[in-house]
N, C-alpha and C. Protein backbone atom coordinates (compact mmCIF):
# COMPACT_ATOMS: atom_id res chain seq x y z
N MET A 1 -9.99 31.82 21.27
CA MET A 1 -8.95 31.13 20.51
C MET A 1 -8.73 29.75 21.10
N ASN A 2 -8.59 28.76 20.28
CA ASN A 2 -8.36 27.39 20.72
C ASN A 2 -6.89 27.23 21.10
N THR A 3 -6.63 26.80 22.34
CA THR A 3 -5.26 26.67 22.81
C THR A 3 -4.82 25.22 22.91
N GLU A 4 -5.61 24.30 22.37
CA GLU A 4 -5.21 22.89 22.39
C GLU A 4 -3.94 22.72 21.58
N HIS A 5 -3.11 21.78 22.02
CA HIS A 5 -1.87 21.50 21.31
C HIS A 5 -2.15 20.51 20.18
N THR A 6 -2.09 20.99 18.97
CA THR A 6 -2.27 20.16 17.80
C THR A 6 -0.94 20.11 17.06
N PRO A 7 -0.42 18.91 16.83
CA PRO A 7 0.84 18.85 16.11
C PRO A 7 0.69 19.42 14.71
N PRO A 8 1.70 20.15 14.25
CA PRO A 8 1.60 20.71 12.90
C PRO A 8 1.57 19.60 11.87
N GLN A 9 0.79 19.81 10.84
CA GLN A 9 0.71 18.82 9.76
C GLN A 9 1.72 19.16 8.70
N GLY A 10 2.54 18.17 8.38
CA GLY A 10 3.51 18.33 7.30
C GLY A 10 2.95 17.72 6.04
N PRO A 11 3.70 17.81 4.95
CA PRO A 11 3.22 17.23 3.70
C PRO A 11 3.00 15.73 3.80
N GLN A 12 3.80 15.04 4.64
CA GLN A 12 3.66 13.59 4.81
C GLN A 12 2.31 13.25 5.43
N ASP A 13 1.88 14.05 6.43
CA ASP A 13 0.61 13.78 7.10
C ASP A 13 -0.57 13.83 6.14
N ALA A 14 -0.50 14.72 5.16
CA ALA A 14 -1.60 14.86 4.20
C ALA A 14 -1.67 13.67 3.24
N LEU A 15 -0.60 12.87 3.19
CA LEU A 15 -0.55 11.74 2.27
C LEU A 15 -0.80 10.40 2.95
N GLU A 16 -0.93 10.38 4.28
CA GLU A 16 -1.02 9.10 4.98
C GLU A 16 -2.40 8.84 5.58
N VAL A 17 -2.70 7.55 5.66
CA VAL A 17 -3.90 7.08 6.32
C VAL A 17 -3.48 5.90 7.20
N THR A 18 -4.15 5.70 8.31
CA THR A 18 -3.80 4.59 9.18
C THR A 18 -4.26 3.27 8.56
N LEU A 19 -3.63 2.19 8.98
CA LEU A 19 -4.00 0.88 8.44
C LEU A 19 -5.46 0.52 8.75
N PRO A 20 -5.93 0.68 10.00
CA PRO A 20 -7.35 0.35 10.24
C PRO A 20 -8.31 1.15 9.35
N THR A 21 -7.99 2.42 9.13
CA THR A 21 -8.82 3.24 8.26
C THR A 21 -8.76 2.73 6.82
N ALA A 22 -7.55 2.39 6.37
CA ALA A 22 -7.38 1.87 5.01
C ALA A 22 -8.20 0.60 4.81
N LEU A 23 -8.11 -0.32 5.77
CA LEU A 23 -8.85 -1.58 5.66
C LEU A 23 -10.35 -1.35 5.65
N GLU A 24 -10.81 -0.40 6.45
CA GLU A 24 -12.25 -0.10 6.49
C GLU A 24 -12.70 0.52 5.16
N LEU A 25 -11.90 1.42 4.62
CA LEU A 25 -12.25 2.02 3.33
C LEU A 25 -12.33 0.97 2.23
N CYS A 26 -11.41 0.01 2.27
CA CYS A 26 -11.43 -1.07 1.28
C CYS A 26 -12.67 -1.95 1.46
N GLN A 27 -12.99 -2.25 2.72
CA GLN A 27 -14.18 -3.07 3.00
C GLN A 27 -15.45 -2.40 2.51
N LEU A 28 -15.49 -1.08 2.61
CA LEU A 28 -16.66 -0.33 2.17
C LEU A 28 -16.70 -0.11 0.66
N GLY A 29 -15.66 -0.55 -0.03
CA GLY A 29 -15.60 -0.39 -1.48
C GLY A 29 -15.24 1.01 -1.93
N LEU A 30 -14.65 1.80 -1.03
CA LEU A 30 -14.29 3.18 -1.34
C LEU A 30 -12.83 3.33 -1.75
N ALA A 31 -12.07 2.25 -1.59
CA ALA A 31 -10.64 2.33 -1.86
C ALA A 31 -10.11 0.98 -2.31
N THR A 32 -8.93 1.02 -2.91
CA THR A 32 -8.21 -0.20 -3.30
C THR A 32 -6.82 -0.12 -2.70
N LEU A 33 -6.38 -1.21 -2.12
CA LEU A 33 -5.04 -1.32 -1.57
C LEU A 33 -4.08 -1.73 -2.69
N ILE A 34 -3.04 -0.94 -2.91
CA ILE A 34 -2.06 -1.22 -3.95
C ILE A 34 -0.73 -1.54 -3.27
N ASP A 35 -0.31 -2.79 -3.38
CA ASP A 35 0.95 -3.24 -2.79
C ASP A 35 2.06 -2.88 -3.78
N ILE A 36 2.93 -1.96 -3.39
CA ILE A 36 3.96 -1.46 -4.30
C ILE A 36 5.30 -2.17 -4.12
N ARG A 37 5.35 -3.18 -3.25
CA ARG A 37 6.60 -3.90 -3.03
C ARG A 37 7.01 -4.68 -4.27
N GLN A 38 8.28 -5.06 -4.31
CA GLN A 38 8.79 -5.85 -5.41
C GLN A 38 8.32 -7.30 -5.26
N ASN A 39 8.34 -8.06 -6.34
CA ASN A 39 7.91 -9.47 -6.33
C ASN A 39 8.59 -10.28 -5.23
N PHE A 40 9.92 -10.16 -5.11
CA PHE A 40 10.64 -10.97 -4.14
C PHE A 40 10.23 -10.65 -2.70
N GLU A 41 9.84 -9.40 -2.44
CA GLU A 41 9.39 -9.04 -1.09
C GLU A 41 8.08 -9.74 -0.75
N ILE A 42 7.20 -9.81 -1.72
CA ILE A 42 5.92 -10.48 -1.51
C ILE A 42 6.14 -11.98 -1.34
N GLU A 43 7.04 -12.54 -2.16
CA GLU A 43 7.34 -13.97 -2.04
C GLU A 43 7.96 -14.30 -0.68
N MET A 44 8.85 -13.43 -0.19
CA MET A 44 9.54 -13.68 1.08
C MET A 44 8.65 -13.43 2.30
N LYS A 45 7.91 -12.35 2.27
CA LYS A 45 7.17 -11.92 3.46
C LYS A 45 5.69 -12.22 3.42
N GLY A 46 5.16 -12.40 2.22
CA GLY A 46 3.74 -12.70 2.09
C GLY A 46 2.97 -11.59 1.42
N ALA A 47 1.83 -11.96 0.90
CA ALA A 47 0.94 -11.01 0.21
C ALA A 47 -0.19 -10.59 1.14
N ILE A 48 -0.76 -9.47 0.84
CA ILE A 48 -1.93 -8.97 1.57
C ILE A 48 -3.15 -9.35 0.74
N PRO A 49 -4.04 -10.16 1.29
CA PRO A 49 -5.22 -10.59 0.52
C PRO A 49 -6.02 -9.39 0.00
N GLY A 50 -6.36 -9.45 -1.26
CA GLY A 50 -7.17 -8.40 -1.87
C GLY A 50 -6.39 -7.22 -2.41
N ALA A 51 -5.10 -7.14 -2.11
CA ALA A 51 -4.30 -6.01 -2.61
C ALA A 51 -3.91 -6.26 -4.06
N VAL A 52 -3.82 -5.19 -4.83
CA VAL A 52 -3.36 -5.24 -6.21
C VAL A 52 -1.87 -4.96 -6.20
N HIS A 53 -1.10 -5.78 -6.90
CA HIS A 53 0.35 -5.62 -6.90
C HIS A 53 0.82 -4.79 -8.09
N ILE A 54 1.42 -3.64 -7.80
CA ILE A 54 2.03 -2.80 -8.81
C ILE A 54 3.38 -2.36 -8.25
N PRO A 55 4.48 -2.99 -8.71
CA PRO A 55 5.81 -2.66 -8.17
C PRO A 55 6.26 -1.26 -8.60
N ILE A 56 6.38 -0.37 -7.63
CA ILE A 56 6.59 1.05 -7.92
C ILE A 56 7.92 1.36 -8.59
N PHE A 57 8.98 0.63 -8.27
CA PHE A 57 10.27 0.97 -8.88
C PHE A 57 10.26 0.70 -10.38
N GLU A 58 9.59 -0.34 -10.78
CA GLU A 58 9.48 -0.64 -12.21
C GLU A 58 8.63 0.42 -12.91
N VAL A 59 7.60 0.89 -12.23
CA VAL A 59 6.76 1.94 -12.78
C VAL A 59 7.57 3.22 -12.94
N LYS A 60 8.37 3.54 -11.94
CA LYS A 60 9.20 4.74 -12.03
C LYS A 60 10.13 4.68 -13.24
N LEU A 61 10.73 3.52 -13.47
CA LEU A 61 11.60 3.35 -14.63
C LEU A 61 10.82 3.52 -15.93
N LEU A 62 9.63 2.91 -15.99
CA LEU A 62 8.80 3.02 -17.19
C LEU A 62 8.47 4.46 -17.52
N LEU A 63 8.28 5.26 -16.47
CA LEU A 63 7.90 6.65 -16.66
C LEU A 63 9.09 7.57 -16.87
N GLY A 64 10.30 6.99 -16.89
CA GLY A 64 11.49 7.78 -17.15
C GLY A 64 12.12 8.42 -15.93
N HIS A 65 11.71 8.00 -14.74
CA HIS A 65 12.30 8.54 -13.51
C HIS A 65 13.63 7.85 -13.24
N THR A 66 14.54 8.56 -12.62
CA THR A 66 15.81 7.98 -12.21
C THR A 66 15.63 7.40 -10.81
N LEU A 67 16.07 6.16 -10.63
CA LEU A 67 15.99 5.53 -9.32
C LEU A 67 17.18 5.92 -8.46
N THR A 68 16.96 6.02 -7.16
CA THR A 68 18.07 6.23 -6.25
C THR A 68 18.89 4.94 -6.21
N GLU A 69 20.06 5.00 -5.63
CA GLU A 69 20.89 3.81 -5.54
C GLU A 69 20.18 2.71 -4.74
N ASP A 70 19.53 3.09 -3.64
CA ASP A 70 18.79 2.12 -2.82
C ASP A 70 17.64 1.50 -3.60
N GLU A 71 16.90 2.33 -4.34
CA GLU A 71 15.79 1.82 -5.14
C GLU A 71 16.28 0.84 -6.20
N GLN A 72 17.39 1.19 -6.85
CA GLN A 72 17.95 0.31 -7.88
C GLN A 72 18.41 -1.01 -7.28
N ASP A 73 19.01 -0.96 -6.07
CA ASP A 73 19.44 -2.19 -5.38
C ASP A 73 18.25 -3.10 -5.10
N ILE A 74 17.15 -2.51 -4.65
CA ILE A 74 15.95 -3.30 -4.36
C ILE A 74 15.39 -3.88 -5.65
N LEU A 75 15.35 -3.08 -6.70
CA LEU A 75 14.85 -3.56 -7.99
C LEU A 75 15.72 -4.70 -8.51
N ASP A 76 17.04 -4.57 -8.37
CA ASP A 76 17.96 -5.59 -8.86
C ASP A 76 17.91 -6.89 -8.06
N ALA A 77 17.37 -6.84 -6.85
CA ALA A 77 17.36 -8.01 -5.97
C ALA A 77 16.38 -9.09 -6.40
N GLY A 78 15.46 -8.77 -7.28
CA GLY A 78 14.44 -9.77 -7.64
C GLY A 78 14.15 -9.80 -9.12
N GLN A 79 13.22 -10.65 -9.48
CA GLN A 79 12.77 -10.79 -10.86
C GLN A 79 11.72 -9.73 -11.14
N PRO A 80 11.92 -8.89 -12.16
CA PRO A 80 10.93 -7.85 -12.45
C PRO A 80 9.59 -8.42 -12.88
N LYS A 81 8.55 -7.68 -12.59
CA LYS A 81 7.20 -8.05 -13.04
C LYS A 81 7.04 -7.57 -14.48
N ASP A 82 6.32 -8.34 -15.26
CA ASP A 82 6.10 -7.98 -16.66
C ASP A 82 5.01 -6.91 -16.71
N ILE A 83 5.45 -5.65 -16.78
CA ILE A 83 4.50 -4.55 -16.82
C ILE A 83 5.03 -3.50 -17.80
N ASP A 84 4.11 -2.90 -18.56
CA ASP A 84 4.50 -1.83 -19.45
C ASP A 84 3.64 -0.61 -19.13
N VAL A 85 3.92 0.50 -19.77
CA VAL A 85 3.22 1.75 -19.47
C VAL A 85 1.72 1.61 -19.69
N GLN A 86 1.32 0.99 -20.79
CA GLN A 86 -0.11 0.84 -21.07
C GLN A 86 -0.79 -0.01 -20.01
N THR A 87 -0.13 -1.10 -19.60
CA THR A 87 -0.70 -1.97 -18.56
C THR A 87 -0.84 -1.20 -17.24
N PHE A 88 0.20 -0.45 -16.91
CA PHE A 88 0.17 0.33 -15.67
C PHE A 88 -1.01 1.30 -15.66
N PHE A 89 -1.13 2.12 -16.71
CA PHE A 89 -2.22 3.10 -16.73
C PHE A 89 -3.58 2.43 -16.83
N SER A 90 -3.68 1.33 -17.53
CA SER A 90 -4.95 0.60 -17.58
C SER A 90 -5.36 0.12 -16.19
N MET A 91 -4.39 -0.43 -15.46
CA MET A 91 -4.67 -0.91 -14.10
C MET A 91 -5.09 0.24 -13.18
N ILE A 92 -4.33 1.32 -13.20
CA ILE A 92 -4.62 2.46 -12.33
C ILE A 92 -5.96 3.08 -12.69
N ASN A 93 -6.24 3.24 -13.97
CA ASN A 93 -7.52 3.82 -14.38
C ASN A 93 -8.69 2.93 -13.97
N ARG A 94 -8.51 1.61 -14.08
CA ARG A 94 -9.57 0.68 -13.67
C ARG A 94 -9.80 0.78 -12.15
N LEU A 95 -8.71 0.88 -11.38
CA LEU A 95 -8.84 0.99 -9.92
C LEU A 95 -9.43 2.32 -9.51
N HIS A 96 -9.12 3.35 -10.25
CA HIS A 96 -9.56 4.71 -9.93
C HIS A 96 -10.85 5.03 -10.69
N HIS A 97 -11.68 3.99 -10.87
CA HIS A 97 -12.85 4.07 -11.74
C HIS A 97 -13.85 5.16 -11.37
N ARG A 98 -13.83 5.62 -10.17
CA ARG A 98 -14.72 6.70 -9.75
C ARG A 98 -13.86 7.81 -9.16
N SER A 99 -14.30 9.03 -9.28
CA SER A 99 -13.50 10.14 -8.78
C SER A 99 -13.37 10.10 -7.25
N ASP A 100 -14.24 9.36 -6.59
CA ASP A 100 -14.15 9.29 -5.13
C ASP A 100 -13.45 8.02 -4.65
N HIS A 101 -12.92 7.21 -5.57
CA HIS A 101 -12.25 5.97 -5.20
C HIS A 101 -10.80 6.27 -4.85
N LEU A 102 -10.39 5.85 -3.66
CA LEU A 102 -9.04 6.11 -3.16
C LEU A 102 -8.07 5.01 -3.59
N LEU A 103 -6.84 5.41 -3.88
CA LEU A 103 -5.76 4.48 -4.18
C LEU A 103 -4.84 4.49 -2.97
N LEU A 104 -4.81 3.38 -2.23
CA LEU A 104 -4.04 3.31 -0.99
C LEU A 104 -2.77 2.49 -1.20
N CYS A 105 -1.65 3.16 -1.26
CA CYS A 105 -0.36 2.51 -1.51
C CYS A 105 0.20 1.95 -0.21
N ILE A 106 0.70 0.71 -0.29
CA ILE A 106 1.29 0.08 0.88
C ILE A 106 2.60 -0.58 0.46
N CYS A 107 3.62 -0.40 1.29
CA CYS A 107 4.93 -1.02 1.05
C CYS A 107 5.28 -1.84 2.29
N ASN A 108 6.53 -2.02 2.58
CA ASN A 108 6.91 -2.81 3.75
C ASN A 108 6.74 -2.03 5.05
N SER A 109 7.20 -0.78 5.08
CA SER A 109 7.16 -0.02 6.34
C SER A 109 6.40 1.28 6.27
N GLY A 110 6.05 1.73 5.08
CA GLY A 110 5.31 2.99 4.95
C GLY A 110 6.12 4.13 4.37
N ARG A 111 7.39 3.92 4.11
CA ARG A 111 8.22 5.00 3.54
C ARG A 111 8.08 5.07 2.02
N ARG A 112 8.29 3.95 1.34
CA ARG A 112 8.20 3.95 -0.13
C ARG A 112 6.79 4.27 -0.61
N SER A 113 5.80 3.89 0.18
CA SER A 113 4.42 4.15 -0.23
C SER A 113 4.11 5.65 -0.24
N LEU A 114 4.83 6.44 0.56
CA LEU A 114 4.68 7.90 0.49
C LEU A 114 5.12 8.41 -0.88
N THR A 115 6.23 7.87 -1.35
CA THR A 115 6.74 8.23 -2.68
C THR A 115 5.74 7.80 -3.75
N ALA A 116 5.20 6.60 -3.61
CA ALA A 116 4.23 6.10 -4.59
C ALA A 116 2.98 6.97 -4.62
N ALA A 117 2.47 7.35 -3.46
CA ALA A 117 1.28 8.20 -3.40
C ALA A 117 1.56 9.56 -4.05
N SER A 118 2.74 10.11 -3.79
CA SER A 118 3.12 11.39 -4.42
C SER A 118 3.22 11.24 -5.93
N LEU A 119 3.81 10.13 -6.38
CA LEU A 119 3.94 9.88 -7.82
C LEU A 119 2.56 9.79 -8.47
N LEU A 120 1.66 9.02 -7.86
CA LEU A 120 0.31 8.88 -8.43
C LEU A 120 -0.40 10.23 -8.46
N ARG A 121 -0.22 11.03 -7.42
CA ARG A 121 -0.84 12.36 -7.41
C ARG A 121 -0.29 13.22 -8.55
N SER A 122 1.02 13.13 -8.78
CA SER A 122 1.63 13.92 -9.86
C SER A 122 1.15 13.46 -11.23
N LEU A 123 0.65 12.22 -11.33
CA LEU A 123 0.13 11.68 -12.59
C LEU A 123 -1.37 11.96 -12.77
N GLY A 124 -1.97 12.69 -11.82
CA GLY A 124 -3.37 13.07 -11.96
C GLY A 124 -4.34 12.22 -11.15
N TYR A 125 -3.84 11.52 -10.15
CA TYR A 125 -4.70 10.72 -9.26
C TYR A 125 -4.61 11.33 -7.86
N PRO A 126 -5.38 12.41 -7.62
CA PRO A 126 -5.25 13.18 -6.38
C PRO A 126 -5.69 12.45 -5.11
N LYS A 127 -6.44 11.39 -5.27
CA LYS A 127 -6.92 10.66 -4.08
C LYS A 127 -6.06 9.43 -3.82
N SER A 128 -4.75 9.62 -3.93
CA SER A 128 -3.78 8.57 -3.64
C SER A 128 -3.17 8.85 -2.28
N LEU A 129 -3.12 7.81 -1.45
CA LEU A 129 -2.60 7.94 -0.09
C LEU A 129 -1.65 6.81 0.23
N SER A 130 -0.83 7.01 1.24
CA SER A 130 0.08 6.00 1.74
C SER A 130 -0.52 5.39 3.01
N VAL A 131 -0.34 4.09 3.17
CA VAL A 131 -0.80 3.42 4.39
C VAL A 131 0.35 3.43 5.39
N ALA A 132 0.16 4.13 6.50
CA ALA A 132 1.20 4.26 7.53
C ALA A 132 1.55 2.89 8.12
N GLY A 133 2.82 2.63 8.27
CA GLY A 133 3.26 1.37 8.87
C GLY A 133 3.42 0.23 7.90
N GLY A 134 2.78 0.30 6.74
CA GLY A 134 2.92 -0.69 5.69
C GLY A 134 2.60 -2.12 6.08
N PHE A 135 3.28 -3.05 5.40
CA PHE A 135 3.07 -4.48 5.59
C PHE A 135 3.40 -4.90 7.03
N GLN A 136 4.40 -4.25 7.63
CA GLN A 136 4.76 -4.58 9.00
C GLN A 136 3.58 -4.32 9.94
N ALA A 137 2.90 -3.21 9.74
CA ALA A 137 1.72 -2.90 10.56
C ALA A 137 0.61 -3.91 10.28
N TRP A 138 0.44 -4.29 9.01
CA TRP A 138 -0.58 -5.27 8.66
C TRP A 138 -0.30 -6.60 9.35
N LYS A 139 0.97 -7.04 9.36
CA LYS A 139 1.36 -8.29 10.02
C LYS A 139 1.04 -8.23 11.51
N LYS A 140 1.37 -7.11 12.15
CA LYS A 140 1.10 -6.94 13.59
C LYS A 140 -0.40 -6.99 13.86
N LEU A 141 -1.17 -6.40 12.97
CA LEU A 141 -2.63 -6.40 13.13
C LEU A 141 -3.19 -7.81 12.98
N GLN A 142 -2.57 -8.63 12.14
CA GLN A 142 -3.02 -10.00 11.92
C GLN A 142 -2.66 -10.92 13.08
N ALA A 143 -1.55 -10.65 13.77
CA ALA A 143 -1.07 -11.52 14.86
C ALA A 143 -2.09 -11.68 15.97
N PRO A 144 -2.68 -10.61 16.52
CA PRO A 144 -3.69 -10.81 17.56
C PRO A 144 -4.93 -11.54 17.05
N THR A 145 -5.28 -11.30 15.79
CA THR A 145 -6.43 -11.98 15.20
C THR A 145 -6.17 -13.48 15.13
N ALA A 146 -4.96 -13.86 14.72
CA ALA A 146 -4.60 -15.28 14.63
C ALA A 146 -4.53 -15.91 16.02
N ALA A 147 -4.01 -15.18 17.00
CA ALA A 147 -3.92 -15.71 18.36
C ALA A 147 -5.31 -15.90 18.96
N THR A 148 -6.20 -14.96 18.71
CA THR A 148 -7.57 -15.08 19.21
C THR A 148 -8.26 -16.27 18.56
N ALA A 149 -8.06 -16.43 17.27
CA ALA A 149 -8.68 -17.55 16.56
C ALA A 149 -8.14 -18.88 17.08
N ALA A 150 -6.85 -18.91 17.43
CA ALA A 150 -6.24 -20.14 17.94
C ALA A 150 -6.79 -20.50 19.32
N GLN A 151 -7.21 -19.50 20.09
CA GLN A 151 -7.73 -19.74 21.43
C GLN A 151 -9.19 -20.15 21.42
N GLN A 152 -9.88 -19.86 20.33
CA GLN A 152 -11.30 -20.20 20.24
C GLN A 152 -11.46 -21.69 20.02
N PRO A 153 -12.40 -22.34 20.73
CA PRO A 153 -12.61 -23.76 20.51
C PRO A 153 -13.17 -24.00 19.10
N VAL A 154 -12.70 -25.05 18.49
CA VAL A 154 -13.19 -25.41 17.17
C VAL A 154 -14.50 -26.17 17.36
N PRO A 155 -15.58 -25.75 16.69
CA PRO A 155 -16.87 -26.43 16.87
C PRO A 155 -16.75 -27.92 16.56
N GLY A 156 -17.33 -28.70 17.44
CA GLY A 156 -17.35 -30.15 17.25
C GLY A 156 -16.16 -30.88 17.83
N ILE A 157 -15.14 -30.11 18.30
CA ILE A 157 -13.98 -30.76 18.89
C ILE A 157 -13.95 -30.43 20.38
N GLY A 158 -13.91 -31.43 21.18
CA GLY A 158 -13.84 -31.26 22.63
C GLY A 158 -15.13 -30.79 23.26
N SER A 159 -16.24 -30.86 22.56
CA SER A 159 -17.49 -30.44 23.16
C SER A 159 -18.45 -31.58 23.28
């Protein structure tokens, strides 16, 4: 019997993927990153290059879901994106073009993207996952890359 200590997996663990794994899957063409943040969040904090923007709270309303008070507050804080049910399903179906193509939801911190991944799964997209840590993790991952690039000599200058 294996006596190694393995943390129990909860339902959240089955829905999450790490950011480095998500980025690698996207690079390999096996997944698409879906930024579910609201427009104003992307304008304030920045966009993730290559991510498709589908604001989840607006989608929930389109599908007849009731928003929590916090979700409604976030939705009310910005200008809604012009999206309808047909546009939403067309976008998702195009992204999910192959049965093995993953839909990787990313939000600011990784909490709302769990809800988005669950919602997509309930709509018949079983290979939907949440990116752990969200945009905050992506920003942290970019910081060392930018610092390293800043330390590298620029070709032709000072040589």
